[in-house]
PDB file of N, CA and C in Angstrom:
ATOM      1  N   MET A   1      48.479 213.036  41.965  1.00  0.00           N
ATOM      2  CA  MET A   1      47.790 212.011  42.739  1.00  0.00           C
ATOM      3  C   MET A   1      48.706 211.498  43.854  1.00  0.00           C
ATOM      4  N   ARG A   2      48.131 211.267  44.985  1.00  0.00           N
ATOM      5  CA  ARG A   2      48.893 210.853  46.161  1.00  0.00           C
ATOM      6  C   ARG A   2      49.336 209.394  46.055  1.00  0.00           C
ATOM      7  N   ARG A   3      50.554 209.117  46.454  1.00  0.00           N
ATOM      8  CA  ARG A   3      51.044 207.731  46.476  1.00  0.00           C
ATOM      9  C   ARG A   3      50.802 207.162  47.869  1.00  0.00           C
ATOM     10  N   PHE A   4      50.433 205.893  47.901  1.00  0.00           N
ATOM     11  CA  PHE A   4      50.170 205.238  49.179  1.00  0.00           C
ATOM     12  C   PHE A   4      51.350 204.350  49.548  1.00  0.00           C
ATOM     13  N   GLU A   5      51.621 204.307  50.831  1.00  0.00           N
ATOM     14  CA  GLU A   5      52.706 203.466  51.327  1.00  0.00           C
ATOM     15  C   GLU A   5      52.223 202.022  51.433  1.00  0.00           C
ATOM     16  N   VAL A   6      53.150 201.079  51.333  1.00  0.00           N
ATOM     17  CA  VAL A   6      52.813 199.671  51.493  1.00  0.00           C
ATOM     18  C   VAL A   6      52.323 199.448  52.918  1.00  0.00           C
ATOM     19  N   GLY A   7      51.172 198.772  53.058  1.00  0.00           N
ATOM     20  CA  GLY A   7      50.639 198.471  54.374  1.00  0.00           C
ATOM     21  C   GLY A   7      49.824 199.597  54.989  1.00  0.00           C
ATOM     22  N   GLU A   8      49.678 200.707  54.264  1.00  0.00           N
ATOM     23  CA  GLU A   8      48.899 201.836  54.788  1.00  0.00           C
ATOM     24  C   GLU A   8      47.412 201.466  54.827  1.00  0.00           C
ATOM     25  N   VAL A   9      46.757 201.827  55.897  1.00  0.00           N
ATOM     26  CA  VAL A   9      45.332 201.530  56.036  1.00  0.00           C
ATOM     27  C   VAL A   9      44.542 202.651  55.363  1.00  0.00           C
ATOM     28  N   LEU A  10      43.702 202.263  54.411  1.00  0.00           N
ATOM     29  CA  LEU A  10      42.906 203.262  53.696  1.00  0.00           C
ATOM     30  C   LEU A  10      41.526 203.348  54.330  1.00  0.00           C
ATOM     31  N   ASP A  11      41.057 204.572  54.541  1.00  0.00           N
ATOM     32  CA  ASP A  11      39.744 204.805  55.125  1.00  0.00           C
ATOM     33  C   ASP A  11      38.711 204.783  54.003  1.00  0.00           C
ATOM     34  N   VAL A  12      37.956 203.694  53.882  1.00  0.00           N
ATOM     35  CA  VAL A  12      36.978 203.559  52.815  1.00  0.00           C
ATOM     36  C   VAL A  12      35.579 203.640  53.407  1.00  0.00           C
ATOM     37  N   ASP A  13      34.811 204.580  52.894  1.00  0.00           N
ATOM     38  CA  ASP A  13      33.438 204.768  53.372  1.00  0.00           C
ATOM     39  C   ASP A  13      32.527 203.786  52.641  1.00  0.00           C
ATOM     40  N   TYR A  14      31.772 203.007  53.392  1.00  0.00           N
ATOM     41  CA  TYR A  14      30.876 201.989  52.829  1.00  0.00           C
ATOM     42  C   TYR A  14      29.864 202.608  51.870  1.00  0.00           C
ATOM     43  N   ASN A  15      29.302 203.768  52.235  1.00  0.00           N
ATOM     44  CA  ASN A  15      28.301 204.427  51.386  1.00  0.00           C
ATOM     45  C   ASN A  15      28.885 204.836  50.040  1.00  0.00           C
ATOM     46  N   HIS A  16      30.113 205.296  50.029  1.00  0.00           N
ATOM     47  CA  HIS A  16      30.751 205.679  48.777  1.00  0.00           C
ATOM     48  C   HIS A  16      30.896 204.466  47.860  1.00  0.00           C
ATOM     49  N   ALA A  17      31.276 203.336  48.438  1.00  0.00           N
ATOM     50  CA  ALA A  17      31.420 202.104  47.653  1.00  0.00           C
ATOM     51  C   ALA A  17      30.063 201.702  47.078  1.00  0.00           C
ATOM     52  N   LYS A  18      29.002 201.844  47.873  1.00  0.00           N
ATOM     53  CA  LYS A  18      27.646 201.520  47.404  1.00  0.00           C
ATOM     54  C   LYS A  18      27.246 202.430  46.247  1.00  0.00           C
ATOM     55  N   LYS A  19      27.548 203.727  46.374  1.00  0.00           N
ATOM     56  CA  LYS A  19      27.204 204.684  45.319  1.00  0.00           C
ATOM     57  C   LYS A  19      27.917 204.332  44.025  1.00  0.00           C
ATOM     58  N   ARG A  20      29.183 203.965  44.127  1.00  0.00           N
ATOM     59  CA  ARG A  20      29.942 203.616  42.915  1.00  0.00           C
ATOM     60  C   ARG A  20      29.312 202.417  42.210  1.00  0.00           C
ATOM     61  N   SER A  21      28.924 201.378  42.979  1.00  0.00           N
ATOM     62  CA  SER A  21      28.338 200.197  42.343  1.00  0.00           C
ATOM     63  C   SER A  21      26.978 200.545  41.744  1.00  0.00           C
ATOM     64  N   ALA A  22      26.237 201.467  42.363  1.00  0.00           N
ATOM     65  CA  ALA A  22      24.945 201.900  41.824  1.00  0.00           C
ATOM     66  C   ALA A  22      25.154 202.613  40.492  1.00  0.00           C
ATOM     67  N   ILE A  23      26.193 203.420  40.413  1.00  0.00           N
ATOM     68  CA  ILE A  23      26.509 204.131  39.167  1.00  0.00           C
ATOM     69  C   ILE A  23      26.816 203.119  38.066  1.00  0.00           C
ATOM     70  N   GLU A  24      27.649 202.130  38.379  1.00  0.00           N
ATOM     71  CA  GLU A  24      28.012 201.118  37.382  1.00  0.00           C
ATOM     72  C   GLU A  24      26.779 200.371  36.885  1.00  0.00           C
ATOM     73  N   LYS A  25      25.878 199.994  37.810  1.00  0.00           N
ATOM     74  CA  LYS A  25      24.653 199.276  37.425  1.00  0.00           C
ATOM     75  C   LYS A  25      23.781 200.134  36.525  1.00  0.00           C
ATOM     76  N   ALA A  26      23.640 201.407  36.856  1.00  0.00           N
ATOM     77  CA  ALA A  26      22.794 202.308  36.066  1.00  0.00           C
ATOM     78  C   ALA A  26      23.365 202.485  34.661  1.00  0.00           C
ATOM     79  N   ILE A  27      24.681 202.589  34.548  1.00  0.00           N
ATOM     80  CA  ILE A  27      25.311 202.740  33.234  1.00  0.00           C
ATOM     81  C   ILE A  27      25.080 201.477  32.411  1.00  0.00           C
ATOM     82  N   GLU A  28      25.226 200.309  33.037  1.00  0.00           N
ATOM     83  CA  GLU A  28      24.971 199.045  32.332  1.00  0.00           C
ATOM     84  C   GLU A  28      23.531 198.974  31.851  1.00  0.00           C
ATOM     85  N   THR A  29      22.585 199.394  32.694  1.00  0.00           N
ATOM     86  CA  THR A  29      21.165 199.368  32.335  1.00  0.00           C
ATOM     87  C   THR A  29      20.907 200.281  31.150  1.00  0.00           C
ATOM     88  N   GLY A  30      21.458 201.496  31.197  1.00  0.00           N
ATOM     89  CA  GLY A  30      21.299 202.441  30.089  1.00  0.00           C
ATOM     90  C   GLY A  30      21.840 201.879  28.788  1.00  0.00           C
ATOM     91  N   THR A  31      22.974 201.203  28.863  1.00  0.00           N
ATOM     92  CA  THR A  31      23.586 200.597  27.682  1.00  0.00           C
ATOM     93  C   THR A  31      22.694 199.489  27.139  1.00  0.00           C
ATOM     94  N   ARG A  32      22.127 198.667  28.051  1.00  0.00           N
ATOM     95  CA  ARG A  32      21.233 197.583  27.633  1.00  0.00           C
ATOM     96  C   ARG A  32      19.998 198.127  26.919  1.00  0.00           C
ATOM     97  N   VAL A  33      19.423 199.216  27.484  1.00  0.00           N
ATOM     98  CA  VAL A  33      18.237 199.829  26.875  1.00  0.00           C
ATOM     99  C   VAL A  33      18.572 200.307  25.468  1.00  0.00           C
ATOM    100  N   ALA A  34      19.693 200.973  25.300  1.00  0.00           N
ATOM    101  CA  ALA A  34      20.102 201.487  23.989  1.00  0.00           C
ATOM    102  C   ALA A  34      20.277 200.331  22.988  1.00  0.00           C
ATOM    103  N   LYS A  35      20.850 199.211  23.441  1.00  0.00           N
ATOM    104  CA  LYS A  35      21.028 198.049  22.551  1.00  0.00           C
ATOM    105  C   LYS A  35      19.691 197.462  22.128  1.00  0.00           C
ATOM    106  N   LYS A  36      18.742 197.366  23.080  1.00  0.00           N
ATOM    107  CA  LYS A  36      17.402 196.841  22.763  1.00  0.00           C
ATOM    108  C   LYS A  36      16.742 197.713  21.703  1.00  0.00           C
ATOM    109  N   ILE A  37      16.877 199.034  21.860  1.00  0.00           N
ATOM    110  CA  ILE A  37      16.276 199.966  20.894  1.00  0.00           C
ATOM    111  C   ILE A  37      16.905 199.741  19.518  1.00  0.00           C
ATOM    112  N   ASP A  38      18.218 199.530  19.466  1.00  0.00           N
ATOM    113  CA  ASP A  38      18.894 199.242  18.195  1.00  0.00           C
ATOM    114  C   ASP A  38      18.326 197.995  17.545  1.00  0.00           C
ATOM    115  N   GLU A  39      18.104 196.935  18.350  1.00  0.00           N
ATOM    116  CA  GLU A  39      17.556 195.682  17.819  1.00  0.00           C
ATOM    117  C   GLU A  39      16.156 195.898  17.257  1.00  0.00           C
ATOM    118  N   LEU A  40      15.333 196.689  17.974  1.00  0.00           N
ATOM    119  CA  LEU A  40      13.970 196.967  17.519  1.00  0.00           C
ATOM    120  C   LEU A  40      13.968 197.716  16.193  1.00  0.00           C
ATOM    121  N   GLU A  41      14.903 198.645  16.026  1.00  0.00           N
ATOM    122  CA  GLU A  41      14.976 199.444  14.800  1.00  0.00           C
ATOM    123  C   GLU A  41      15.099 198.559  13.572  1.00  0.00           C
ATOM    124  N   LEU A  42      15.833 197.466  13.698  1.00  0.00           N
ATOM    125  CA  LEU A  42      16.049 196.579  12.556  1.00  0.00           C
ATOM    126  C   LEU A  42      14.762 195.889  12.113  1.00  0.00           C
ATOM    127  N   LYS A  43      13.829 195.685  13.052  1.00  0.00           N
ATOM    128  CA  LYS A  43      12.633 194.889  12.773  1.00  0.00           C
ATOM    129  C   LYS A  43      11.436 195.707  12.296  1.00  0.00           C
ATOM    130  N   LEU A  44      11.491 197.057  12.407  1.00  0.00           N
ATOM    131  CA  LEU A  44      10.282 197.855  12.206  1.00  0.00           C
ATOM    132  C   LEU A  44      10.317 198.685  10.922  1.00  0.00           C
ATOM    133  N   SER A  45       9.127 199.188  10.547  1.00  0.00           N
ATOM    134  CA  SER A  45       9.007 200.033   9.354  1.00  0.00           C
ATOM    135  C   SER A  45       9.503 201.449   9.637  1.00  0.00           C
ATOM    136  N   ASN A  46       9.644 202.258   8.582  1.00  0.00           N
ATOM    137  CA  ASN A  46      10.251 203.597   8.698  1.00  0.00           C
ATOM    138  C   ASN A  46       9.546 204.537   9.666  1.00  0.00           C
ATOM    139  N   ASP A  47       8.211 204.605   9.641  1.00  0.00           N
ATOM    140  CA  ASP A  47       7.511 205.550  10.529  1.00  0.00           C
ATOM    141  C   ASP A  47       7.720 205.203  12.000  1.00  0.00           C
ATOM    142  N   LYS A  48       7.770 203.910  12.290  1.00  0.00           N
ATOM    143  CA  LYS A  48       8.019 203.499  13.681  1.00  0.00           C
ATOM    144  C   LYS A  48       9.473 203.759  14.060  1.00  0.00           C
ATOM    145  N   ILE A  49      10.366 203.619  13.089  1.00  0.00           N
ATOM    146  CA  ILE A  49      11.795 203.854  13.359  1.00  0.00           C
ATOM    147  C   ILE A  49      12.015 205.289  13.825  1.00  0.00           C
ATOM    148  N   GLU A  50      11.287 206.255  13.223  1.00  0.00           N
ATOM    149  CA  GLU A  50      11.422 207.660  13.638  1.00  0.00           C
ATOM    150  C   GLU A  50      11.054 207.835  15.109  1.00  0.00           C
ATOM    151  N   LYS A  51       9.958 207.195  15.523  1.00  0.00           N
ATOM    152  CA  LYS A  51       9.523 207.288  16.926  1.00  0.00           C
ATOM    153  C   LYS A  51      10.570 206.666  17.845  1.00  0.00           C
ATOM    154  N   ILE A  52      11.127 205.544  17.409  1.00  0.00           N
ATOM    155  CA  ILE A  52      12.125 204.855  18.228  1.00  0.00           C
ATOM    156  C   ILE A  52      13.397 205.686  18.344  1.00  0.00           C
ATOM    157  N   LYS A  53      13.787 206.337  17.239  1.00  0.00           N
ATOM    158  CA  LYS A  53      14.979 207.183  17.292  1.00  0.00           C
ATOM    159  C   LYS A  53      14.786 208.318  18.292  1.00  0.00           C
ATOM    160  N   LEU A  54      13.573 208.875  18.316  1.00  0.00           N
ATOM    161  CA  LEU A  54      13.261 209.939  19.271  1.00  0.00           C
ATOM    162  C   LEU A  54      13.379 209.402  20.704  1.00  0.00           C
ATOM    163  N   ALA A  55      12.794 208.223  20.930  1.00  0.00           N
ATOM    164  CA  ALA A  55      12.863 207.602  22.267  1.00  0.00           C
ATOM    165  C   ALA A  55      14.314 207.341  22.657  1.00  0.00           C
ATOM    166  N   LYS A  56      15.081 206.870  21.692  1.00  0.00           N
ATOM    167  CA  LYS A  56      16.486 206.559  21.951  1.00  0.00           C
ATOM    168  C   LYS A  56      17.249 207.826  22.333  1.00  0.00           C
ATOM    169  N   ARG A  57      16.971 208.908  21.603  1.00  0.00           N
ATOM    170  CA  ARG A  57      17.619 210.181  21.917  1.00  0.00           C
ATOM    171  C   ARG A  57      17.275 210.623  23.329  1.00  0.00           C
ATOM    172  N   MET A  58      16.009 210.426  23.705  1.00  0.00           N
ATOM    173  CA  MET A  58      15.582 210.812  25.052  1.00  0.00           C
ATOM    174  C   MET A  58      16.302 209.985  26.104  1.00  0.00           C
ATOM    175  N   VAL A  59      16.432 208.673  25.855  1.00  0.00           N
ATOM    176  CA  VAL A  59      17.142 207.794  26.796  1.00  0.00           C
ATOM    177  C   VAL A  59      18.585 208.247  26.932  1.00  0.00           C
ATOM    178  N   ILE A  60      19.209 208.556  25.795  1.00  0.00           N
ATOM    179  CA  ILE A  60      20.611 208.977  25.824  1.00  0.00           C
ATOM    180  C   ILE A  60      20.744 210.304  26.567  1.00  0.00           C
ATOM    181  N   MET A  61      19.805 211.232  26.329  1.00  0.00           N
ATOM    182  CA  MET A  61      19.860 212.519  27.035  1.00  0.00           C
ATOM    183  C   MET A  61      19.708 212.310  28.538  1.00  0.00           C
ATOM    184  N   MET A  62      18.757 211.430  28.921  1.00  0.00           N
ATOM    185  CA  MET A  62      18.563 211.143  30.347  1.00  0.00           C
ATOM    186  C   MET A  62      19.848 210.583  30.940  1.00  0.00           C
ATOM    187  N   GLN A  63      20.455 209.674  30.184  1.00  0.00           N
ATOM    188  CA  GLN A  63      21.700 209.057  30.656  1.00  0.00           C
ATOM    189  C   GLN A  63      22.774 210.122  30.854  1.00  0.00           C
ATOM    190  N   ASN A  64      22.857 211.064  29.886  1.00  0.00           N
ATOM    191  CA  ASN A  64      23.902 212.087  29.961  1.00  0.00           C
ATOM    192  C   ASN A  64      23.719 212.995  31.163  1.00  0.00           C
ATOM    193  N   THR A  65      22.466 213.415  31.439  1.00  0.00           N
ATOM    194  CA  THR A  65      22.267 214.309  32.583  1.00  0.00           C
ATOM    195  C   THR A  65      22.578 213.563  33.878  1.00  0.00           C
ATOM    196  N   ARG A  66      22.151 212.309  33.943  1.00  0.00           N
ATOM    197  CA  ARG A  66      22.474 211.505  35.136  1.00  0.00           C
ATOM    198  C   ARG A  66      23.977 211.320  35.230  1.00  0.00           C
ATOM    199  N   TRP A  67      24.576 211.031  34.085  1.00  0.00           N
ATOM    200  CA  TRP A  67      26.013 210.783  34.027  1.00  0.00           C
ATOM    201  C   TRP A  67      26.772 211.982  34.571  1.00  0.00           C
ATOM    202  N   LEU A  68      26.362 213.213  34.189  1.00  0.00           N
ATOM    203  CA  LEU A  68      27.034 214.407  34.684  1.00  0.00           C
ATOM    204  C   LEU A  68      26.892 214.533  36.198  1.00  0.00           C
ATOM    205  N   ARG A  69      25.676 214.229  36.691  1.00  0.00           N
ATOM    206  CA  ARG A  69      25.453 214.286  38.134  1.00  0.00           C
ATOM    207  C   ARG A  69      26.345 213.278  38.846  1.00  0.00           C
ATOM    208  N   TRP A  70      26.401 212.058  38.284  1.00  0.00           N
ATOM    209  CA  TRP A  70      27.225 211.006  38.901  1.00  0.00           C
ATOM    210  C   TRP A  70      28.697 211.378  38.841  1.00  0.00           C
ATOM    211  N   LEU A  71      29.087 211.956  37.722  1.00  0.00           N
ATOM    212  CA  LEU A  71      30.486 212.328  37.553  1.00  0.00           C
ATOM    213  C   LEU A  71      30.881 213.342  38.626  1.00  0.00           C
ATOM    214  N   ARG A  72      29.991 214.330  38.849  1.00  0.00           N
ATOM    215  CA  ARG A  72      30.248 215.314  39.904  1.00  0.00           C
ATOM    216  C   ARG A  72      30.363 214.624  41.259  1.00  0.00           C
ATOM    217  N   MET A  73      29.451 213.663  41.493  1.00  0.00           N
ATOM    218  CA  MET A  73      29.441 212.958  42.773  1.00  0.00           C
ATOM    219  C   MET A  73      30.749 212.169  42.954  1.00  0.00           C
ATOM    220  N   VAL A  74      31.175 211.479  41.905  1.00  0.00           N
ATOM    221  CA  VAL A  74      32.411 210.683  41.972  1.00  0.00           C
ATOM    222  C   VAL A  74      33.597 211.591  42.231  1.00  0.00           C
ATOM    223  N   ILE A  75      33.614 212.750  41.558  1.00  0.00           N
ATOM    224  CA  ILE A  75      34.712 213.697  41.772  1.00  0.00           C
ATOM    225  C   ILE A  75      34.716 214.161  43.231  1.00  0.00           C
ATOM    226  N   MET A  76      33.527 214.451  43.769  1.00  0.00           N
ATOM    227  CA  MET A  76      33.436 214.869  45.169  1.00  0.00           C
ATOM    228  C   MET A  76      33.944 213.763  46.099  1.00  0.00           C
ATOM    229  N   ILE A  77      33.579 212.507  45.763  1.00  0.00           N
ATOM    230  CA  ILE A  77      34.017 211.369  46.588  1.00  0.00           C
ATOM    231  C   ILE A  77      35.544 211.269  46.550  1.00  0.00           C
ATOM    232  N   LEU A  78      36.105 211.383  45.345  1.00  0.00           N
ATOM    233  CA  LEU A  78      37.556 211.246  45.207  1.00  0.00           C
ATOM    234  C   LEU A  78      38.291 212.401  45.889  1.00  0.00           C
ATOM    235  N   LYS A  79      37.727 213.603  45.817  1.00  0.00           N
ATOM    236  CA  LYS A  79      38.336 214.757  46.505  1.00  0.00           C
ATOM    237  C   LYS A  79      38.233 214.606  48.017  1.00  0.00           C
ATOM    238  N   GLY A  80      37.016 214.126  48.457  1.00  0.00           N
ATOM    239  CA  GLY A  80      36.675 214.053  49.878  1.00  0.00           C
ATOM    240  C   GLY A  80      37.649 213.255  50.676  1.00  0.00           C
TER     241      GLY A  80
END
């Protein structure tokens, strides 16, 4: 990793900063959804719990595919 000199001006692209904050917000949202599903599981009967577990798995899978895309994007930003 490159070391920066004291007082060096860094070229920061505004769009890249926006993308990073969007990624953070999306990850927080995904985490919140997963927590809500956990809370619901405690309150419901077994047959409904199975449906919720399926939904939860789908949410997690969606998060993972997005996460991989974002990870690639972040790597490209850092390389760029």
